């Protein structure tokens, strides 16, 4: 038995690449095929309809236009008519049918998001006006801090005056002792 078992490893195989000449040949063939299709479409619009009717089996009903527009059903699907109540058919609207005046229906999440933003704006307005509990607490805290700073400034100024008085007294003693 060869190394690697019956199947062999896929990694050891030699890789093949498409040569540039083969790619060019494929592209030319594709272009020629497209040109032929375009020529057939331009030349025989009516002839093409006849060919399409020949390919389809005769249905024996007058609703052949509806059958041509729908995709052909394969297997049991063609025999049994099933309508899925959960399937929503795509309905295309014309520009004239679209009403721009009608307000857009918002989803629950969008409505909640808008309500949340409005509530936040109302709260911020009340906060800036000082009507909320948090704003009152902040203002009280600021008032206490201002008082403490004023007291600290007064105390500092008193100490400065006392120091100047002590320095003046020391200068007075020094000036008396020199005389």
C-alpha atoms as a PDB file:
ATOM      1  CA  UNK A   1       0.000   0.000   0.000  1.00  0.00           C
ATOM      2  CA  UNK A   2       1.394   3.463  -0.834  1.00  0.00           C
ATOM      3  CA  UNK A   3       2.397   5.856   1.884  1.00  0.00           C
ATOM      4  CA  UNK A   4      -0.576   7.896   3.126  1.00  0.00           C
ATOM      5  CA  UNK A   5      -3.201   5.172   2.850  1.00  0.00           C
ATOM      6  CA  UNK A   6      -5.755   4.506   0.147  1.00  0.00           C
ATOM      7  CA  UNK A   7      -6.886   8.090  -0.386  1.00  0.00           C
ATOM      8  CA  UNK A   8      -3.547   9.827  -0.267  1.00  0.00           C
ATOM      9  CA  UNK A   9      -2.958  13.337   0.971  1.00  0.00           C
ATOM     10  CA  UNK A  10      -4.362  16.338  -0.832  1.00  0.00           C
ATOM     11  CA  UNK A  11      -1.422  18.503   0.190  1.00  0.00           C
ATOM     12  CA  UNK A  12       1.136  16.544  -1.736  1.00  0.00           C
ATOM     13  CA  UNK A  13      -0.576  16.806  -5.088  1.00  0.00           C
ATOM     14  CA  UNK A  14       0.784  19.071  -7.732  1.00  0.00           C
ATOM     15  CA  UNK A  15      -1.251  22.216  -8.193  1.00  0.00           C
ATOM     16  CA  UNK A  16      -2.304  23.222 -11.670  1.00  0.00           C
ATOM     17  CA  UNK A  17      -2.696  26.807 -12.747  1.00  0.00           C
ATOM     18  CA  UNK A  18      -4.532  28.251 -15.721  1.00  0.00           C
ATOM     19  CA  UNK A  19      -2.140  29.688 -18.264  1.00  0.00           C
ATOM     20  CA  UNK A  20      -2.643  33.237 -19.577  1.00  0.00           C
ATOM     21  CA  UNK A  21      -3.387  31.881 -23.055  1.00  0.00           C
ATOM     22  CA  UNK A  22      -6.243  29.754 -21.708  1.00  0.00           C
ATOM     23  CA  UNK A  23      -7.664  32.740 -19.808  1.00  0.00           C
ATOM     24  CA  UNK A  24      -7.563  34.886 -22.963  1.00  0.00           C
ATOM     25  CA  UNK A  25      -9.291  32.131 -24.953  1.00  0.00           C
ATOM     26  CA  UNK A  26     -12.028  31.811 -22.302  1.00  0.00           C
ATOM     27  CA  UNK A  27     -12.580  35.582 -22.245  1.00  0.00           C
ATOM     28  CA  UNK A  28     -12.843  35.733 -26.054  1.00  0.00           C
ATOM     29  CA  UNK A  29     -15.334  32.893 -26.085  1.00  0.00           C
ATOM     30  CA  UNK A  30     -17.409  34.648 -23.421  1.00  0.00           C
ATOM     31  CA  UNK A  31     -17.415  37.923 -25.398  1.00  0.00           C
ATOM     32  CA  UNK A  32     -18.467  36.120 -28.582  1.00  0.00           C
ATOM     33  CA  UNK A  33     -21.282  34.362 -26.736  1.00  0.00           C
ATOM     34  CA  UNK A  34     -22.547  37.677 -25.303  1.00  0.00           C
ATOM     35  CA  UNK A  35     -22.430  39.285 -28.764  1.00  0.00           C
ATOM     36  CA  UNK A  36     -24.462  36.428 -30.220  1.00  0.00           C
ATOM     37  CA  UNK A  37     -27.050  36.726 -27.439  1.00  0.00           C
ATOM     38  CA  UNK A  38     -27.378  40.478 -28.026  1.00  0.00           C
ATOM     39  CA  UNK A  39     -27.754  39.970 -31.777  1.00  0.00           C
ATOM     40  CA  UNK A  40     -30.446  37.346 -31.192  1.00  0.00           C
ATOM     41  CA  UNK A  41     -32.314  39.679 -28.829  1.00  0.00           C
ATOM     42  CA  UNK A  42     -32.175  42.565 -31.309  1.00  0.00           C
ATOM     43  CA  UNK A  43     -33.000  40.470 -34.354  1.00  0.00           C
ATOM     44  CA  UNK A  44     -35.898  38.408 -33.178  1.00  0.00           C
ATOM     45  CA  UNK A  45     -37.991  39.646 -30.280  1.00  0.00           C
ATOM     46  CA  UNK A  46     -41.061  37.842 -31.640  1.00  0.00           C
ATOM     47  CA  UNK A  47     -39.096  34.772 -32.721  1.00  0.00           C
ATOM     48  CA  UNK A  48     -37.719  34.428 -29.226  1.00  0.00           C
ATOM     49  CA  UNK A  49     -41.246  34.390 -27.750  1.00  0.00           C
ATOM     50  CA  UNK A  50     -42.126  31.533 -30.094  1.00  0.00           C
ATOM     51  CA  UNK A  51     -39.062  29.561 -28.962  1.00  0.00           C
ATOM     52  CA  UNK A  52     -39.965  30.069 -25.309  1.00  0.00           C
ATOM     53  CA  UNK A  53     -43.469  28.707 -25.911  1.00  0.00           C
ATOM     54  CA  UNK A  54     -42.045  25.647 -27.681  1.00  0.00           C
ATOM     55  CA  UNK A  55     -39.751  24.833 -24.730  1.00  0.00           C
ATOM     56  CA  UNK A  56     -42.579  24.877 -22.156  1.00  0.00           C
ATOM     57  CA  UNK A  57     -45.029  21.970 -22.138  1.00  0.00           C
ATOM     58  CA  UNK A  58     -48.583  22.894 -23.115  1.00  0.00           C
ATOM     59  CA  UNK A  59     -50.597  23.681 -20.000  1.00  0.00           C
ATOM     60  CA  UNK A  60     -54.087  23.777 -21.475  1.00  0.00           C
ATOM     61  CA  UNK A  61     -55.068  26.896 -19.498  1.00  0.00           C
ATOM     62  CA  UNK A  62     -55.471  30.521 -20.469  1.00  0.00           C
ATOM     63  CA  UNK A  63     -53.231  31.723 -17.634  1.00  0.00           C
ATOM     64  CA  UNK A  64     -50.018  31.033 -19.545  1.00  0.00           C
ATOM     65  CA  UNK A  65     -48.786  34.605 -18.938  1.00  0.00           C
ATOM     66  CA  UNK A  66     -48.958  34.073 -15.172  1.00  0.00           C
ATOM     67  CA  UNK A  67     -47.172  30.740 -15.448  1.00  0.00           C
ATOM     68  CA  UNK A  68     -44.371  32.249 -17.553  1.00  0.00           C
ATOM     69  CA  UNK A  69     -43.817  35.021 -15.027  1.00  0.00           C
ATOM     70  CA  UNK A  70     -43.541  32.599 -12.095  1.00  0.00           C
ATOM     71  CA  UNK A  71     -40.559  30.321 -11.758  1.00  0.00           C
ATOM     72  CA  UNK A  72     -41.091  26.712 -12.736  1.00  0.00           C
ATOM     73  CA  UNK A  73     -41.620  24.493  -9.747  1.00  0.00           C
ATOM     74  CA  UNK A  74     -39.689  21.274  -9.528  1.00  0.00           C
ATOM     75  CA  UNK A  75     -40.874  17.964  -8.103  1.00  0.00           C
ATOM     76  CA  UNK A  76     -43.904  17.897  -5.828  1.00  0.00           C
ATOM     77  CA  UNK A  77     -44.013  21.709  -5.631  1.00  0.00           C
ATOM     78  CA  UNK A  78     -45.590  21.859  -9.070  1.00  0.00           C
ATOM     79  CA  UNK A  79     -48.348  19.450  -8.090  1.00  0.00           C
ATOM     80  CA  UNK A  80     -49.376  20.896  -4.716  1.00  0.00           C
ATOM     81  CA  UNK A  81     -50.424  24.500  -4.239  1.00  0.00           C
ATOM     82  CA  UNK A  82     -49.027  25.678  -0.922  1.00  0.00           C
ATOM     83  CA  UNK A  83     -49.291  29.186   0.415  1.00  0.00           C
ATOM     84  CA  UNK A  84     -47.093  30.093   3.328  1.00  0.00           C
ATOM     85  CA  UNK A  85     -48.905  32.585   5.569  1.00  0.00           C
ATOM     86  CA  UNK A  86     -45.595  33.764   7.024  1.00  0.00           C
ATOM     87  CA  UNK A  87     -44.088  34.615   3.644  1.00  0.00           C
ATOM     88  CA  UNK A  88     -44.457  38.273   2.773  1.00  0.00           C
ATOM     89  CA  UNK A  89     -44.431  39.027  -0.913  1.00  0.00           C
ATOM     90  CA  UNK A  90     -42.320  41.967  -1.958  1.00  0.00           C
ATOM     91  CA  UNK A  91     -44.600  44.719  -3.165  1.00  0.00           C
ATOM     92  CA  UNK A  92     -42.960  47.435  -5.185  1.00  0.00           C
ATOM     93  CA  UNK A  93     -44.539  50.850  -4.846  1.00  0.00           C
ATOM     94  CA  UNK A  94     -44.639  53.451  -7.537  1.00  0.00           C
ATOM     95  CA  UNK A  95     -43.413  56.939  -6.834  1.00  0.00           C
ATOM     96  CA  UNK A  96     -46.971  58.254  -7.075  1.00  0.00           C
ATOM     97  CA  UNK A  97     -48.170  55.809  -4.401  1.00  0.00           C
ATOM     98  CA  UNK A  98     -45.593  56.824  -1.800  1.00  0.00           C
ATOM     99  CA  UNK A  99     -46.970  59.400   0.605  1.00  0.00           C
ATOM    100  CA  UNK A 100     -44.372  61.691   2.073  1.00  0.00           C
ATOM    101  CA  UNK A 101     -46.881  63.599   4.210  1.00  0.00           C
ATOM    102  CA  UNK A 102     -47.700  60.551   6.330  1.00  0.00           C
ATOM    103  CA  UNK A 103     -45.569  60.406   9.491  1.00  0.00           C
ATOM    104  CA  UNK A 104     -43.175  57.502   9.594  1.00  0.00           C
ATOM    105  CA  UNK A 105     -44.091  54.734  12.052  1.00  0.00           C
ATOM    106  CA  UNK A 106     -41.307  54.320  14.564  1.00  0.00           C
ATOM    107  CA  UNK A 107     -40.322  51.012  16.057  1.00  0.00           C
ATOM    108  CA  UNK A 108     -40.516  50.456  19.808  1.00  0.00           C
ATOM    109  CA  UNK A 109     -36.760  50.780  20.202  1.00  0.00           C
ATOM    110  CA  UNK A 110     -36.644  54.027  18.238  1.00  0.00           C
ATOM    111  CA  UNK A 111     -39.521  55.476  20.296  1.00  0.00           C
ATOM    112  CA  UNK A 112     -37.818  54.475  23.543  1.00  0.00           C
ATOM    113  CA  UNK A 113     -34.539  55.992  22.383  1.00  0.00           C
ATOM    114  CA  UNK A 114     -36.232  59.306  21.529  1.00  0.00           C
ATOM    115  CA  UNK A 115     -38.084  59.333  24.868  1.00  0.00           C
ATOM    116  CA  UNK A 116     -34.824  58.637  26.700  1.00  0.00           C
ATOM    117  CA  UNK A 117     -33.105  61.559  24.928  1.00  0.00           C
ATOM    118  CA  UNK A 118     -35.985  63.931  25.721  1.00  0.00           C
ATOM    119  CA  UNK A 119     -35.994  62.861  29.379  1.00  0.00           C
ATOM    120  CA  UNK A 120     -32.242  63.462  29.576  1.00  0.00           C
ATOM    121  CA  UNK A 121     -32.645  66.950  28.066  1.00  0.00           C
ATOM    122  CA  UNK A 122     -35.436  67.803  30.544  1.00  0.00           C
ATOM    123  CA  UNK A 123     -33.276  66.614  33.436  1.00  0.00           C
ATOM    124  CA  UNK A 124     -30.313  68.691  32.265  1.00  0.00           C
ATOM    125  CA  UNK A 125     -32.506  71.830  32.018  1.00  0.00           C
ATOM    126  CA  UNK A 126     -33.835  71.275  35.531  1.00  0.00           C
ATOM    127  CA  UNK A 127     -30.317  70.519  36.794  1.00  0.00           C
ATOM    128  CA  UNK A 128     -28.981  73.760  35.345  1.00  0.00           C
ATOM    129  CA  UNK A 129     -31.899  75.629  36.912  1.00  0.00           C
ATOM    130  CA  UNK A 130     -31.018  74.021  40.269  1.00  0.00           C
ATOM    131  CA  UNK A 131     -34.336  72.246  40.753  1.00  0.00           C
ATOM    132  CA  UNK A 132     -33.099  68.665  41.009  1.00  0.00           C
ATOM    133  CA  UNK A 133     -31.927  66.990  44.218  1.00  0.00           C
ATOM    134  CA  UNK A 134     -28.467  66.487  42.797  1.00  0.00           C
ATOM    135  CA  UNK A 135     -28.194  70.152  41.788  1.00  0.00           C
ATOM    136  CA  UNK A 136     -29.330  71.258  45.273  1.00  0.00           C
ATOM    137  CA  UNK A 137     -26.723  68.999  46.879  1.00  0.00           C
ATOM    138  CA  UNK A 138     -24.030  70.355  44.549  1.00  0.00           C
ATOM    139  CA  UNK A 139     -24.978  73.973  45.339  1.00  0.00           C
ATOM    140  CA  UNK A 140     -24.943  73.256  49.085  1.00  0.00           C
ATOM    141  CA  UNK A 141     -21.524  71.639  48.771  1.00  0.00           C
ATOM    142  CA  UNK A 142     -20.245  74.650  46.802  1.00  0.00           C
ATOM    143  CA  UNK A 143     -21.586  77.044  49.465  1.00  0.00           C
ATOM    144  CA  UNK A 144     -19.766  75.107  52.210  1.00  0.00           C
ATOM    145  CA  UNK A 145     -16.536  75.156  50.196  1.00  0.00           C
ATOM    146  CA  UNK A 146     -16.854  78.917  49.600  1.00  0.00           C
ATOM    147  CA  UNK A 147     -17.332  79.531  53.354  1.00  0.00           C
ATOM    148  CA  UNK A 148     -14.305  77.407  54.179  1.00  0.00           C
ATOM    149  CA  UNK A 149     -12.192  79.294  51.648  1.00  0.00           C
ATOM    150  CA  UNK A 150     -13.361  82.678  52.968  1.00  0.00           C
ATOM    151  CA  UNK A 151     -12.565  81.610  56.541  1.00  0.00           C
ATOM    152  CA  UNK A 152      -9.161  80.337  55.433  1.00  0.00           C
ATOM    153  CA  UNK A 153      -8.482  83.652  53.647  1.00  0.00           C
ATOM    154  CA  UNK A 154      -9.521  85.673  56.745  1.00  0.00           C
ATOM    155  CA  UNK A 155      -7.359  83.499  58.985  1.00  0.00           C
ATOM    156  CA  UNK A 156      -4.402  83.892  56.656  1.00  0.00           C
ATOM    157  CA  UNK A 157      -4.857  87.649  56.562  1.00  0.00           C
ATOM    158  CA  UNK A 158      -5.058  87.825  60.394  1.00  0.00           C
ATOM    159  CA  UNK A 159      -1.878  85.766  60.678  1.00  0.00           C
ATOM    160  CA  UNK A 160      -0.206  88.089  58.175  1.00  0.00           C
ATOM    161  CA  UNK A 161      -1.259  91.158  60.190  1.00  0.00           C
ATOM    162  CA  UNK A 162      -0.067  89.543  63.422  1.00  0.00           C
ATOM    163  CA  UNK A 163       3.267  88.731  61.783  1.00  0.00           C
ATOM    164  CA  UNK A 164       3.631  92.298  60.535  1.00  0.00           C
ATOM    165  CA  UNK A 165       2.780  93.631  64.006  1.00  0.00           C
ATOM    166  CA  UNK A 166       5.348  91.300  65.563  1.00  0.00           C
ATOM    167  CA  UNK A 167       7.920  92.372  62.994  1.00  0.00           C
ATOM    168  CA  UNK A 168       7.120  96.055  63.620  1.00  0.00           C
ATOM    169  CA  UNK A 169       7.417  95.520  67.355  1.00  0.00           C
ATOM    170  CA  UNK A 170      10.731  93.740  66.844  1.00  0.00           C
ATOM    171  CA  UNK A 171      11.952  96.635  64.717  1.00  0.00           C
ATOM    172  CA  UNK A 172      10.745  99.066  67.377  1.00  0.00           C
ATOM    173  CA  UNK A 173      12.726  97.218  70.052  1.00  0.00           C
ATOM    174  CA  UNK A 174      15.761  97.063  67.825  1.00  0.00           C
ATOM    175  CA  UNK A 175      15.540 100.760  67.080  1.00  0.00           C
ATOM    176  CA  UNK A 176      15.198 101.621  70.806  1.00  0.00           C
ATOM    177  CA  UNK A 177      18.120  99.462  71.745  1.00  0.00           C
ATOM    178  CA  UNK A 178      20.339 101.152  69.185  1.00  0.00           C
ATOM    179  CA  UNK A 179      19.681 104.555  70.594  1.00  0.00           C
END
